[in-house]
Amino acid sequence: MASQEQLDKSKLAMSQVIADKLEKDPELWTIPMENLKRWMKLWGEPVAPPHLEWLTLLQERSKEEILQILRSPDQKANQLRQSSPFSGILTEKERIEIITPYIKERL
């Protein structure tokens, strides 16, 4: 079983690649808001606190600030990554390529 540290590292690595993709393709910025709206419709009110926090960040912060959060190794950014609305930005192949070194690390 992967340690929490390995999981956190793999999520940070994925988040950093997501940030890179967002910089290269601005159309991808619609995905996190679409995910949050879909989840809120699916699960209703009240919105889960992490999702509400992401919603607020995406509405009130600049794209540059969001990219900094995605790339940050700090504890707050790590907590936010646990409920990331950026699913769908990475392909399955990209995800596997990113997490494979962390899986091998624990073997």
PDB file of N, CA and C in Angstrom:
ATOM      1  N   MET A   1       0.844  -1.187   0.000  1.00  0.00           N
ATOM      2  CA  MET A   1       0.000   0.000   0.000  1.00  0.00           C
ATOM      3  C   MET A   1       0.884   1.243   0.000  1.00  0.00           C
ATOM      4  N   ALA A   2       0.494   2.220  -0.773  1.00  0.00           N
ATOM      5  CA  ALA A   2       1.269   3.458  -0.860  1.00  0.00           C
ATOM      6  C   ALA A   2       1.153   4.251   0.434  1.00  0.00           C
ATOM      7  N   SER A   3       2.255   4.856   0.831  1.00  0.00           N
ATOM      8  CA  SER A   3       2.228   5.710   2.017  1.00  0.00           C
ATOM      9  C   SER A   3       1.538   7.022   1.671  1.00  0.00           C
ATOM     10  N   GLN A   4       1.088   7.723   2.703  1.00  0.00           N
ATOM     11  CA  GLN A   4       0.454   9.020   2.475  1.00  0.00           C
ATOM     12  C   GLN A   4       1.425   9.974   1.782  1.00  0.00           C
ATOM     13  N   GLU A   5       2.691   9.898   2.157  1.00  0.00           N
ATOM     14  CA  GLU A   5       3.695  10.763   1.536  1.00  0.00           C
ATOM     15  C   GLU A   5       3.802  10.490   0.029  1.00  0.00           C
ATOM     16  N   GLN A   6       3.784   9.215  -0.354  1.00  0.00           N
ATOM     17  CA  GLN A   6       3.848   8.869  -1.776  1.00  0.00           C
ATOM     18  C   GLN A   6       2.603   9.355  -2.517  1.00  0.00           C
ATOM     19  N   LEU A   7       1.442   9.202  -1.882  1.00  0.00           N
ATOM     20  CA  LEU A   7       0.205   9.688  -2.495  1.00  0.00           C
ATOM     21  C   LEU A   7       0.251  11.197  -2.686  1.00  0.00           C
ATOM     22  N   ASP A   8       0.724  11.901  -1.657  1.00  0.00           N
ATOM     23  CA  ASP A   8       0.830  13.360  -1.745  1.00  0.00           C
ATOM     24  C   ASP A   8       1.793  13.780  -2.854  1.00  0.00           C
ATOM     25  N   LYS A   9       2.918  13.080  -2.961  1.00  0.00           N
ATOM     26  CA  LYS A   9       3.893  13.400  -4.013  1.00  0.00           C
ATOM     27  C   LYS A   9       3.314  13.153  -5.402  1.00  0.00           C
ATOM     28  N   SER A  10       2.587  12.051  -5.553  1.00  0.00           N
ATOM     29  CA  SER A  10       2.015  11.755  -6.871  1.00  0.00           C
ATOM     30  C   SER A  10       0.929  12.766  -7.229  1.00  0.00           C
ATOM     31  N   LYS A  11       0.131  13.191  -6.246  1.00  0.00           N
ATOM     32  CA  LYS A  11      -0.894  14.210  -6.513  1.00  0.00           C
ATOM     33  C   LYS A  11      -0.253  15.549  -6.868  1.00  0.00           C
ATOM     34  N   LEU A  12       0.843  15.888  -6.203  1.00  0.00           N
ATOM     35  CA  LEU A  12       1.559  17.121  -6.539  1.00  0.00           C
ATOM     36  C   LEU A  12       2.100  17.038  -7.967  1.00  0.00           C
ATOM     37  N   ALA A  13       2.687  15.903  -8.325  1.00  0.00           N
ATOM     38  CA  ALA A  13       3.224  15.735  -9.681  1.00  0.00           C
ATOM     39  C   ALA A  13       2.113  15.871 -10.724  1.00  0.00           C
ATOM     40  N   MET A  14       0.958  15.257 -10.460  1.00  0.00           N
ATOM     41  CA  MET A  14      -0.163  15.386 -11.398  1.00  0.00           C
ATOM     42  C   MET A  14      -0.642  16.829 -11.478  1.00  0.00           C
ATOM     43  N   SER A  15      -0.718  17.472 -10.330  1.00  0.00           N
ATOM     44  CA  SER A  15      -1.176  18.856 -10.263  1.00  0.00           C
ATOM     45  C   SER A  15      -0.242  19.789 -11.036  1.00  0.00           C
ATOM     46  N   GLN A  16       1.048  19.517 -10.969  1.00  0.00           N
ATOM     47  CA  GLN A  16       2.015  20.338 -11.699  1.00  0.00           C
ATOM     48  C   GLN A  16       1.857  20.167 -13.212  1.00  0.00           C
ATOM     49  N   VAL A  17       1.587  18.958 -13.650  1.00  0.00           N
ATOM     50  CA  VAL A  17       1.357  18.726 -15.084  1.00  0.00           C
ATOM     51  C   VAL A  17       0.040  19.381 -15.511  1.00  0.00           C
ATOM     52  N   ILE A  18      -0.962  19.310 -14.653  1.00  0.00           N
ATOM     53  CA  ILE A  18      -2.232  19.992 -14.933  1.00  0.00           C
ATOM     54  C   ILE A  18      -1.984  21.488 -15.120  1.00  0.00           C
ATOM     55  N   ALA A  19      -1.192  22.084 -14.238  1.00  0.00           N
ATOM     56  CA  ALA A  19      -0.874  23.515 -14.351  1.00  0.00           C
ATOM     57  C   ALA A  19      -0.193  23.809 -15.687  1.00  0.00           C
ATOM     58  N   ASP A  20       0.738  22.955 -16.078  1.00  0.00           N
ATOM     59  CA  ASP A  20       1.417  23.137 -17.369  1.00  0.00           C
ATOM     60  C   ASP A  20       0.420  23.094 -18.529  1.00  0.00           C
ATOM     61  N   LYS A  21      -0.503  22.142 -18.475  1.00  0.00           N
ATOM     62  CA  LYS A  21      -1.492  22.014 -19.546  1.00  0.00           C
ATOM     63  C   LYS A  21      -2.431  23.217 -19.579  1.00  0.00           C
ATOM     64  N   LEU A  22      -2.811  23.723 -18.407  1.00  0.00           N
ATOM     65  CA  LEU A  22      -3.682  24.900 -18.342  1.00  0.00           C
ATOM     66  C   LEU A  22      -3.000  26.119 -18.965  1.00  0.00           C
ATOM     67  N   GLU A  23      -1.699  26.233 -18.748  1.00  0.00           N
ATOM     68  CA  GLU A  23      -0.949  27.352 -19.347  1.00  0.00           C
ATOM     69  C   GLU A  23      -0.922  27.256 -20.870  1.00  0.00           C
ATOM     70  N   LYS A  24      -0.799  26.043 -21.373  1.00  0.00           N
ATOM     71  CA  LYS A  24      -0.677  25.843 -22.820  1.00  0.00           C
ATOM     72  C   LYS A  24      -2.023  25.896 -23.547  1.00  0.00           C
ATOM     73  N   ASP A  25      -3.089  25.514 -22.845  1.00  0.00           N
ATOM     74  CA  ASP A  25      -4.405  25.438 -23.482  1.00  0.00           C
ATOM     75  C   ASP A  25      -5.456  26.098 -22.595  1.00  0.00           C
ATOM     76  N   PRO A  26      -5.703  27.393 -22.766  1.00  0.00           N
ATOM     77  CA  PRO A  26      -6.645  28.126 -21.921  1.00  0.00           C
ATOM     78  C   PRO A  26      -8.068  27.566 -21.928  1.00  0.00           C
ATOM     79  N   GLU A  27      -8.439  26.833 -22.966  1.00  0.00           N
ATOM     80  CA  GLU A  27      -9.783  26.250 -23.010  1.00  0.00           C
ATOM     81  C   GLU A  27     -10.003  25.230 -21.894  1.00  0.00           C
ATOM     82  N   LEU A  28      -8.930  24.675 -21.359  1.00  0.00           N
ATOM     83  CA  LEU A  28      -9.048  23.691 -20.278  1.00  0.00           C
ATOM     84  C   LEU A  28      -9.553  24.309 -18.974  1.00  0.00           C
ATOM     85  N   TRP A  29      -9.481  25.638 -18.859  1.00  0.00           N
ATOM     86  CA  TRP A  29      -9.935  26.306 -17.629  1.00  0.00           C
ATOM     87  C   TRP A  29     -11.423  26.097 -17.375  1.00  0.00           C
ATOM     88  N   THR A  30     -12.195  25.705 -18.376  1.00  0.00           N
ATOM     89  CA  THR A  30     -13.624  25.472 -18.154  1.00  0.00           C
ATOM     90  C   THR A  30     -13.880  24.179 -17.377  1.00  0.00           C
ATOM     91  N   ILE A  31     -12.961  23.243 -17.437  1.00  0.00           N
ATOM     92  CA  ILE A  31     -13.169  21.919 -16.838  1.00  0.00           C
ATOM     93  C   ILE A  31     -13.393  21.972 -15.327  1.00  0.00           C
ATOM     94  N   PRO A  32     -12.561  22.661 -14.536  1.00  0.00           N
ATOM     95  CA  PRO A  32     -12.804  22.635 -13.089  1.00  0.00           C
ATOM     96  C   PRO A  32     -14.158  23.238 -12.693  1.00  0.00           C
ATOM     97  N   MET A  33     -14.575  24.318 -13.350  1.00  0.00           N
ATOM     98  CA  MET A  33     -15.877  24.909 -13.024  1.00  0.00           C
ATOM     99  C   MET A  33     -17.012  23.978 -13.439  1.00  0.00           C
ATOM    100  N   GLU A  34     -16.882  23.339 -14.594  1.00  0.00           N
ATOM    101  CA  GLU A  34     -17.902  22.377 -15.032  1.00  0.00           C
ATOM    102  C   GLU A  34     -17.999  21.220 -14.047  1.00  0.00           C
ATOM    103  N   ASN A  35     -16.854  20.726 -13.586  1.00  0.00           N
ATOM    104  CA  ASN A  35     -16.858  19.643 -12.602  1.00  0.00           C
ATOM    105  C   ASN A  35     -17.558  20.076 -11.321  1.00  0.00           C
ATOM    106  N   LEU A  36     -17.201  21.251 -10.813  1.00  0.00           N
ATOM    107  CA  LEU A  36     -17.811  21.734  -9.571  1.00  0.00           C
ATOM    108  C   LEU A  36     -19.321  21.914  -9.726  1.00  0.00           C
ATOM    109  N   LYS A  37     -19.747  22.494 -10.823  1.00  0.00           N
ATOM    110  CA  LYS A  37     -21.188  22.680 -11.053  1.00  0.00           C
ATOM    111  C   LYS A  37     -21.908  21.334 -11.132  1.00  0.00           C
ATOM    112  N   ARG A  38     -21.305  20.378 -11.821  1.00  0.00           N
ATOM    113  CA  ARG A  38     -21.907  19.046 -11.940  1.00  0.00           C
ATOM    114  C   ARG A  38     -21.993  18.367 -10.575  1.00  0.00           C
ATOM    115  N   TRP A  39     -20.918  18.467  -9.780  1.00  0.00           N
ATOM    116  CA  TRP A  39     -20.919  17.848  -8.456  1.00  0.00           C
ATOM    117  C   TRP A  39     -21.949  18.494  -7.543  1.00  0.00           C
ATOM    118  N   MET A  40     -22.088  19.819  -7.617  1.00  0.00           N
ATOM    119  CA  MET A  40     -23.064  20.516  -6.779  1.00  0.00           C
ATOM    120  C   MET A  40     -24.481  20.101  -7.170  1.00  0.00           C
ATOM    121  N   LYS A  41     -24.724  19.943  -8.463  1.00  0.00           N
ATOM    122  CA  LYS A  41     -26.039  19.502  -8.925  1.00  0.00           C
ATOM    123  C   LYS A  41     -26.297  18.063  -8.482  1.00  0.00           C
ATOM    124  N   LEU A  42     -25.281  17.234  -8.583  1.00  0.00           N
ATOM    125  CA  LEU A  42     -25.406  15.823  -8.227  1.00  0.00           C
ATOM    126  C   LEU A  42     -25.611  15.627  -6.730  1.00  0.00           C
ATOM    127  N   TRP A  43     -24.803  16.327  -5.921  1.00  0.00           N
ATOM    128  CA  TRP A  43     -24.831  16.112  -4.476  1.00  0.00           C
ATOM    129  C   TRP A  43     -25.649  17.145  -3.722  1.00  0.00           C
ATOM    130  N   GLY A  44     -26.042  18.212  -4.393  1.00  0.00           N
ATOM    131  CA  GLY A  44     -26.889  19.226  -3.774  1.00  0.00           C
ATOM    132  C   GLY A  44     -26.177  20.072  -2.736  1.00  0.00           C
ATOM    133  N   GLU A  45     -26.979  20.839  -2.029  1.00  0.00           N
ATOM    134  CA  GLU A  45     -26.469  21.725  -0.984  1.00  0.00           C
ATOM    135  C   GLU A  45     -26.519  20.987   0.346  1.00  0.00           C
ATOM    136  N   PRO A  46     -25.709  21.293   1.304  1.00  0.00           N
ATOM    137  CA  PRO A  46     -24.625  22.258   1.208  1.00  0.00           C
ATOM    138  C   PRO A  46     -23.449  21.680   0.423  1.00  0.00           C
ATOM    139  N   VAL A  47     -22.723  22.558  -0.182  1.00  0.00           N
ATOM    140  CA  VAL A  47     -21.546  22.169  -0.952  1.00  0.00           C
ATOM    141  C   VAL A  47     -20.465  21.717   0.023  1.00  0.00           C
ATOM    142  N   ALA A  48     -19.767  20.640  -0.316  1.00  0.00           N
ATOM    143  CA  ALA A  48     -18.667  20.169   0.530  1.00  0.00           C
ATOM    144  C   ALA A  48     -17.652  21.300   0.692  1.00  0.00           C
ATOM    145  N   PRO A  49     -17.151  21.519   1.911  1.00  0.00           N
ATOM    146  CA  PRO A  49     -16.222  22.636   2.145  1.00  0.00           C
ATOM    147  C   PRO A  49     -15.046  22.718   1.166  1.00  0.00           C
ATOM    148  N   PRO A  50     -14.384  21.603   0.819  1.00  0.00           N
ATOM    149  CA  PRO A  50     -13.272  21.738  -0.138  1.00  0.00           C
ATOM    150  C   PRO A  50     -13.745  22.209  -1.518  1.00  0.00           C
ATOM    151  N   HIS A  51     -14.915  21.760  -1.929  1.00  0.00           N
ATOM    152  CA  HIS A  51     -15.433  22.181  -3.234  1.00  0.00           C
ATOM    153  C   HIS A  51     -15.838  23.647  -3.203  1.00  0.00           C
ATOM    154  N   LEU A  52     -16.406  24.078  -2.099  1.00  0.00           N
ATOM    155  CA  LEU A  52     -16.752  25.493  -1.952  1.00  0.00           C
ATOM    156  C   LEU A  52     -15.491  26.354  -1.979  1.00  0.00           C
ATOM    157  N   GLU A  53     -14.434  25.856  -1.345  1.00  0.00           N
ATOM    158  CA  GLU A  53     -13.169  26.599  -1.355  1.00  0.00           C
ATOM    159  C   GLU A  53     -12.613  26.715  -2.774  1.00  0.00           C
ATOM    160  N   TRP A  54     -12.640  25.611  -3.518  1.00  0.00           N
ATOM    161  CA  TRP A  54     -12.177  25.660  -4.906  1.00  0.00           C
ATOM    162  C   TRP A  54     -13.050  26.597  -5.736  1.00  0.00           C
ATOM    163  N   LEU A  55     -14.362  26.540  -5.528  1.00  0.00           N
ATOM    164  CA  LEU A  55     -15.270  27.413  -6.263  1.00  0.00           C
ATOM    165  C   LEU A  55     -14.916  28.876  -6.020  1.00  0.00           C
ATOM    166  N   THR A  56     -14.688  29.211  -4.761  1.00  0.00           N
ATOM    167  CA  THR A  56     -14.314  30.579  -4.398  1.00  0.00           C
ATOM    168  C   THR A  56     -12.980  30.969  -5.031  1.00  0.00           C
ATOM    169  N   LEU A  57     -11.999  30.078  -4.948  1.00  0.00           N
ATOM    170  CA  LEU A  57     -10.688  30.365  -5.542  1.00  0.00           C
ATOM    171  C   LEU A  57     -10.797  30.606  -7.047  1.00  0.00           C
ATOM    172  N   LEU A  58     -11.534  29.746  -7.724  1.00  0.00           N
ATOM    173  CA  LEU A  58     -11.656  29.865  -9.180  1.00  0.00           C
ATOM    174  C   LEU A  58     -12.414  31.123  -9.598  1.00  0.00           C
ATOM    175  N   GLN A  59     -13.318  31.580  -8.751  1.00  0.00           N
ATOM    176  CA  GLN A  59     -14.088  32.784  -9.073  1.00  0.00           C
ATOM    177  C   GLN A  59     -13.358  34.071  -8.700  1.00  0.00           C
ATOM    178  N   GLU A  60     -12.532  34.012  -7.657  1.00  0.00           N
ATOM    179  CA  GLU A  60     -11.960  35.242  -7.111  1.00  0.00           C
ATOM    180  C   GLU A  60     -10.465  35.430  -7.357  1.00  0.00           C
ATOM    181  N   ARG A  61      -9.762  34.378  -7.660  1.00  0.00           N
ATOM    182  CA  ARG A  61      -8.316  34.482  -7.844  1.00  0.00           C
ATOM    183  C   ARG A  61      -7.959  34.503  -9.321  1.00  0.00           C
ATOM    184  N   SER A  62      -6.794  35.027  -9.599  1.00  0.00           N
ATOM    185  CA  SER A  62      -6.322  35.048 -10.986  1.00  0.00           C
ATOM    186  C   SER A  62      -5.872  33.646 -11.399  1.00  0.00           C
ATOM    187  N   LYS A  63      -5.797  33.443 -12.682  1.00  0.00           N
ATOM    188  CA  LYS A  63      -5.308  32.155 -13.181  1.00  0.00           C
ATOM    189  C   LYS A  63      -3.887  31.907 -12.697  1.00  0.00           C
ATOM    190  N   GLU A  64      -3.089  32.953 -12.640  1.00  0.00           N
ATOM    191  CA  GLU A  64      -1.701  32.818 -12.172  1.00  0.00           C
ATOM    192  C   GLU A  64      -1.665  32.325 -10.724  1.00  0.00           C
ATOM    193  N   GLU A  65      -2.560  32.843  -9.896  1.00  0.00           N
ATOM    194  CA  GLU A  65      -2.611  32.399  -8.496  1.00  0.00           C
ATOM    195  C   GLU A  65      -3.048  30.940  -8.395  1.00  0.00           C
ATOM    196  N   ILE A  66      -3.994  30.541  -9.227  1.00  0.00           N
ATOM    197  CA  ILE A  66      -4.441  29.143  -9.236  1.00  0.00           C
ATOM    198  C   ILE A  66      -3.287  28.243  -9.673  1.00  0.00           C
ATOM    199  N   LEU A  67      -2.540  28.660 -10.685  1.00  0.00           N
ATOM    200  CA  LEU A  67      -1.384  27.874 -11.133  1.00  0.00           C
ATOM    201  C   LEU A  67      -0.357  27.736 -10.017  1.00  0.00           C
ATOM    202  N   GLN A  68      -0.155  28.789  -9.245  1.00  0.00           N
ATOM    203  CA  GLN A  68       0.778  28.722  -8.109  1.00  0.00           C
ATOM    204  C   GLN A  68       0.297  27.709  -7.076  1.00  0.00           C
ATOM    205  N   ILE A  69      -1.002  27.694  -6.811  1.00  0.00           N
ATOM    206  CA  ILE A  69      -1.561  26.720  -5.863  1.00  0.00           C
ATOM    207  C   ILE A  69      -1.336  25.309  -6.383  1.00  0.00           C
ATOM    208  N   LEU A  70      -1.613  25.099  -7.665  1.00  0.00           N
ATOM    209  CA  LEU A  70      -1.451  23.766  -8.243  1.00  0.00           C
ATOM    210  C   LEU A  70      -0.010  23.275  -8.161  1.00  0.00           C
ATOM    211  N   ARG A  71       0.933  24.184  -8.240  1.00  0.00           N
ATOM    212  CA  ARG A  71       2.353  23.804  -8.227  1.00  0.00           C
ATOM    213  C   ARG A  71       2.976  23.814  -6.831  1.00  0.00           C
ATOM    214  N   SER A  72       2.258  24.299  -5.860  1.00  0.00           N
ATOM    215  CA  SER A  72       2.825  24.480  -4.525  1.00  0.00           C
ATOM    216  C   SER A  72       2.896  23.166  -3.733  1.00  0.00           C
ATOM    217  N   PRO A  73       4.036  22.934  -3.060  1.00  0.00           N
ATOM    218  CA  PRO A  73       4.146  21.757  -2.206  1.00  0.00           C
ATOM    219  C   PRO A  73       3.650  22.010  -0.775  1.00  0.00           C
ATOM    220  N   ASP A  74       3.154  23.221  -0.492  1.00  0.00           N
ATOM    221  CA  ASP A  74       2.794  23.520   0.900  1.00  0.00           C
ATOM    222  C   ASP A  74       1.545  22.757   1.355  1.00  0.00           C
ATOM    223  N   GLN A  75       1.341  22.750   2.664  1.00  0.00           N
ATOM    224  CA  GLN A  75       0.280  21.956   3.276  1.00  0.00           C
ATOM    225  C   GLN A  75      -1.113  22.372   2.799  1.00  0.00           C
ATOM    226  N   LYS A  76      -1.364  23.662   2.687  1.00  0.00           N
ATOM    227  CA  LYS A  76      -2.686  24.131   2.251  1.00  0.00           C
ATOM    228  C   LYS A  76      -2.985  23.653   0.834  1.00  0.00           C
ATOM    229  N   ALA A  77      -2.023  23.782  -0.064  1.00  0.00           N
ATOM    230  CA  ALA A  77      -2.211  23.311  -1.439  1.00  0.00           C
ATOM    231  C   ALA A  77      -2.408  21.798  -1.452  1.00  0.00           C
ATOM    232  N   ASN A  78      -1.684  21.095  -0.599  1.00  0.00           N
ATOM    233  CA  ASN A  78      -1.835  19.647  -0.494  1.00  0.00           C
ATOM    234  C   ASN A  78      -3.259  19.287  -0.065  1.00  0.00           C
ATOM    235  N   GLN A  79      -3.796  20.018   0.902  1.00  0.00           N
ATOM    236  CA  GLN A  79      -5.176  19.776   1.341  1.00  0.00           C
ATOM    237  C   GLN A  79      -6.156  20.013   0.194  1.00  0.00           C
ATOM    238  N   LEU A  80      -5.949  21.069  -0.550  1.00  0.00           N
ATOM    239  CA  LEU A  80      -6.834  21.362  -1.678  1.00  0.00           C
ATOM    240  C   LEU A  80      -6.773  20.269  -2.743  1.00  0.00           C
ATOM    241  N   ARG A  81      -5.598  19.702  -2.948  1.00  0.00           N
ATOM    242  CA  ARG A  81      -5.450  18.642  -3.959  1.00  0.00           C
ATOM    243  C   ARG A  81      -6.249  17.394  -3.611  1.00  0.00           C
ATOM    244  N   GLN A  82      -6.605  17.217  -2.356  1.00  0.00           N
ATOM    245  CA  GLN A  82      -7.365  16.034  -1.953  1.00  0.00           C
ATOM    246  C   GLN A  82      -8.776  16.046  -2.553  1.00  0.00           C
ATOM    247  N   SER A  83      -9.254  17.222  -2.941  1.00  0.00           N
ATOM    248  CA  SER A  83     -10.590  17.365  -3.544  1.00  0.00           C
ATOM    249  C   SER A  83     -10.509  18.213  -4.811  1.00  0.00           C
ATOM    250  N   SER A  84      -9.594  17.891  -5.654  1.00  0.00           N
ATOM    251  CA  SER A  84      -9.320  18.699  -6.847  1.00  0.00           C
ATOM    252  C   SER A  84     -10.450  18.625  -7.875  1.00  0.00           C
ATOM    253  N   PRO A  85     -10.888  19.780  -8.381  1.00  0.00           N
ATOM    254  CA  PRO A  85     -11.893  19.786  -9.443  1.00  0.00           C
ATOM    255  C   PRO A  85     -11.276  19.709 -10.847  1.00  0.00           C
ATOM    256  N   PHE A  86      -9.988  19.403 -10.923  1.00  0.00           N
ATOM    257  CA  PHE A  86      -9.291  19.408 -12.208  1.00  0.00           C
ATOM    258  C   PHE A  86      -9.287  18.042 -12.889  1.00  0.00           C
ATOM    259  N   SER A  87     -10.107  17.115 -12.401  1.00  0.00           N
ATOM    260  CA  SER A  87     -10.177  15.806 -13.050  1.00  0.00           C
ATOM    261  C   SER A  87     -10.708  15.979 -14.470  1.00  0.00           C
ATOM    262  N   GLY A  88     -10.133  15.224 -15.381  1.00  0.00           N
ATOM    263  CA  GLY A  88     -10.516  15.325 -16.781  1.00  0.00           C
ATOM    264  C   GLY A  88      -9.522  16.109 -17.622  1.00  0.00           C
ATOM    265  N   ILE A  89      -8.568  16.758 -16.967  1.00  0.00           N
ATOM    266  CA  ILE A  89      -7.556  17.504 -17.720  1.00  0.00           C
ATOM    267  C   ILE A  89      -6.444  16.570 -18.186  1.00  0.00           C
ATOM    268  N   LEU A  90      -6.052  15.653 -17.333  1.00  0.00           N
ATOM    269  CA  LEU A  90      -5.039  14.666 -17.720  1.00  0.00           C
ATOM    270  C   LEU A  90      -5.705  13.493 -18.419  1.00  0.00           C
ATOM    271  N   THR A  91      -5.036  12.968 -19.414  1.00  0.00           N
ATOM    272  CA  THR A  91      -5.503  11.730 -20.030  1.00  0.00           C
ATOM    273  C   THR A  91      -5.129  10.569 -19.112  1.00  0.00           C
ATOM    274  N   GLU A  92      -5.735   9.428 -19.341  1.00  0.00           N
ATOM    275  CA  GLU A  92      -5.401   8.243 -18.551  1.00  0.00           C
ATOM    276  C   GLU A  92      -3.920   7.890 -18.736  1.00  0.00           C
ATOM    277  N   LYS A  93      -3.433   8.011 -19.955  1.00  0.00           N
ATOM    278  CA  LYS A  93      -2.020   7.722 -20.235  1.00  0.00           C
ATOM    279  C   LYS A  93      -1.110   8.654 -19.440  1.00  0.00           C
ATOM    280  N   GLU A  94      -1.445   9.940 -19.410  1.00  0.00           N
ATOM    281  CA  GLU A  94      -0.637  10.900 -18.649  1.00  0.00           C
ATOM    282  C   GLU A  94      -0.644  10.553 -17.164  1.00  0.00           C
ATOM    283  N   ARG A  95      -1.828  10.224 -16.658  1.00  0.00           N
ATOM    284  CA  ARG A  95      -1.927   9.867 -15.233  1.00  0.00           C
ATOM    285  C   ARG A  95      -1.026   8.675 -14.904  1.00  0.00           C
ATOM    286  N   ILE A  96      -1.099   7.649 -15.723  1.00  0.00           N
ATOM    287  CA  ILE A  96      -0.297   6.441 -15.481  1.00  0.00           C
ATOM    288  C   ILE A  96       1.191   6.762 -15.545  1.00  0.00           C
ATOM    289  N   GLU A  97       1.599   7.562 -16.529  1.00  0.00           N
ATOM    290  CA  GLU A  97       3.013   7.940 -16.649  1.00  0.00           C
ATOM    291  C   GLU A  97       3.492   8.711 -15.421  1.00  0.00           C
ATOM    292  N   ILE A  98       2.620   9.528 -14.856  1.00  0.00           N
ATOM    293  CA  ILE A  98       2.997  10.330 -13.693  1.00  0.00           C
ATOM    294  C   ILE A  98       3.078   9.481 -12.432  1.00  0.00           C
ATOM    295  N   ILE A  99       2.106   8.592 -12.228  1.00  0.00           N
ATOM    296  CA  ILE A  99       2.075   7.853 -10.955  1.00  0.00           C
ATOM    297  C   ILE A  99       2.967   6.619 -10.938  1.00  0.00           C
ATOM    298  N   THR A 100       3.360   6.109 -12.104  1.00  0.00           N
ATOM    299  CA  THR A 100       4.172   4.885 -12.147  1.00  0.00           C
ATOM    300  C   THR A 100       5.449   4.969 -11.308  1.00  0.00           C
ATOM    301  N   PRO A 101       6.219   6.051 -11.366  1.00  0.00           N
ATOM    302  CA  PRO A 101       7.427   6.105 -10.526  1.00  0.00           C
ATOM    303  C   PRO A 101       7.121   5.998  -9.024  1.00  0.00           C
ATOM    304  N   TYR A 102       5.976   6.504  -8.600  1.00  0.00           N
ATOM    305  CA  TYR A 102       5.620   6.448  -7.180  1.00  0.00           C
ATOM    306  C   TYR A 102       5.176   5.052  -6.782  1.00  0.00           C
ATOM    307  N   ILE A 103       4.590   4.328  -7.721  1.00  0.00           N
ATOM    308  CA  ILE A 103       4.221   2.939  -7.463  1.00  0.00           C
ATOM    309  C   ILE A 103       5.486   2.099  -7.373  1.00  0.00           C
ATOM    310  N   LYS A 104       6.420   2.317  -8.299  1.00  0.00           N
ATOM    311  CA  LYS A 104       7.680   1.567  -8.294  1.00  0.00           C
ATOM    312  C   LYS A 104       8.496   1.872  -7.044  1.00  0.00           C
ATOM    313  N   GLU A 105       8.387   3.102  -6.552  1.00  0.00           N
ATOM    314  CA  GLU A 105       9.136   3.533  -5.368  1.00  0.00           C
ATOM    315  C   GLU A 105       8.785   2.692  -4.141  1.00  0.00           C
ATOM    316  N   ARG A 106       7.559   2.228  -4.069  1.00  0.00           N
ATOM    317  CA  ARG A 106       7.139   1.476  -2.882  1.00  0.00           C
ATOM    318  C   ARG A 106       7.399  -0.017  -3.005  1.00  0.00           C
ATOM    319  N   LEU A 107       7.817  -0.484  -4.174  1.00  0.00           N
ATOM    320  CA  LEU A 107       8.079  -1.917  -4.367  1.00  0.00           C
ATOM    321  C   LEU A 107       9.414  -2.324  -3.806  1.00  0.00           C
TER     322      LEU A 107
END
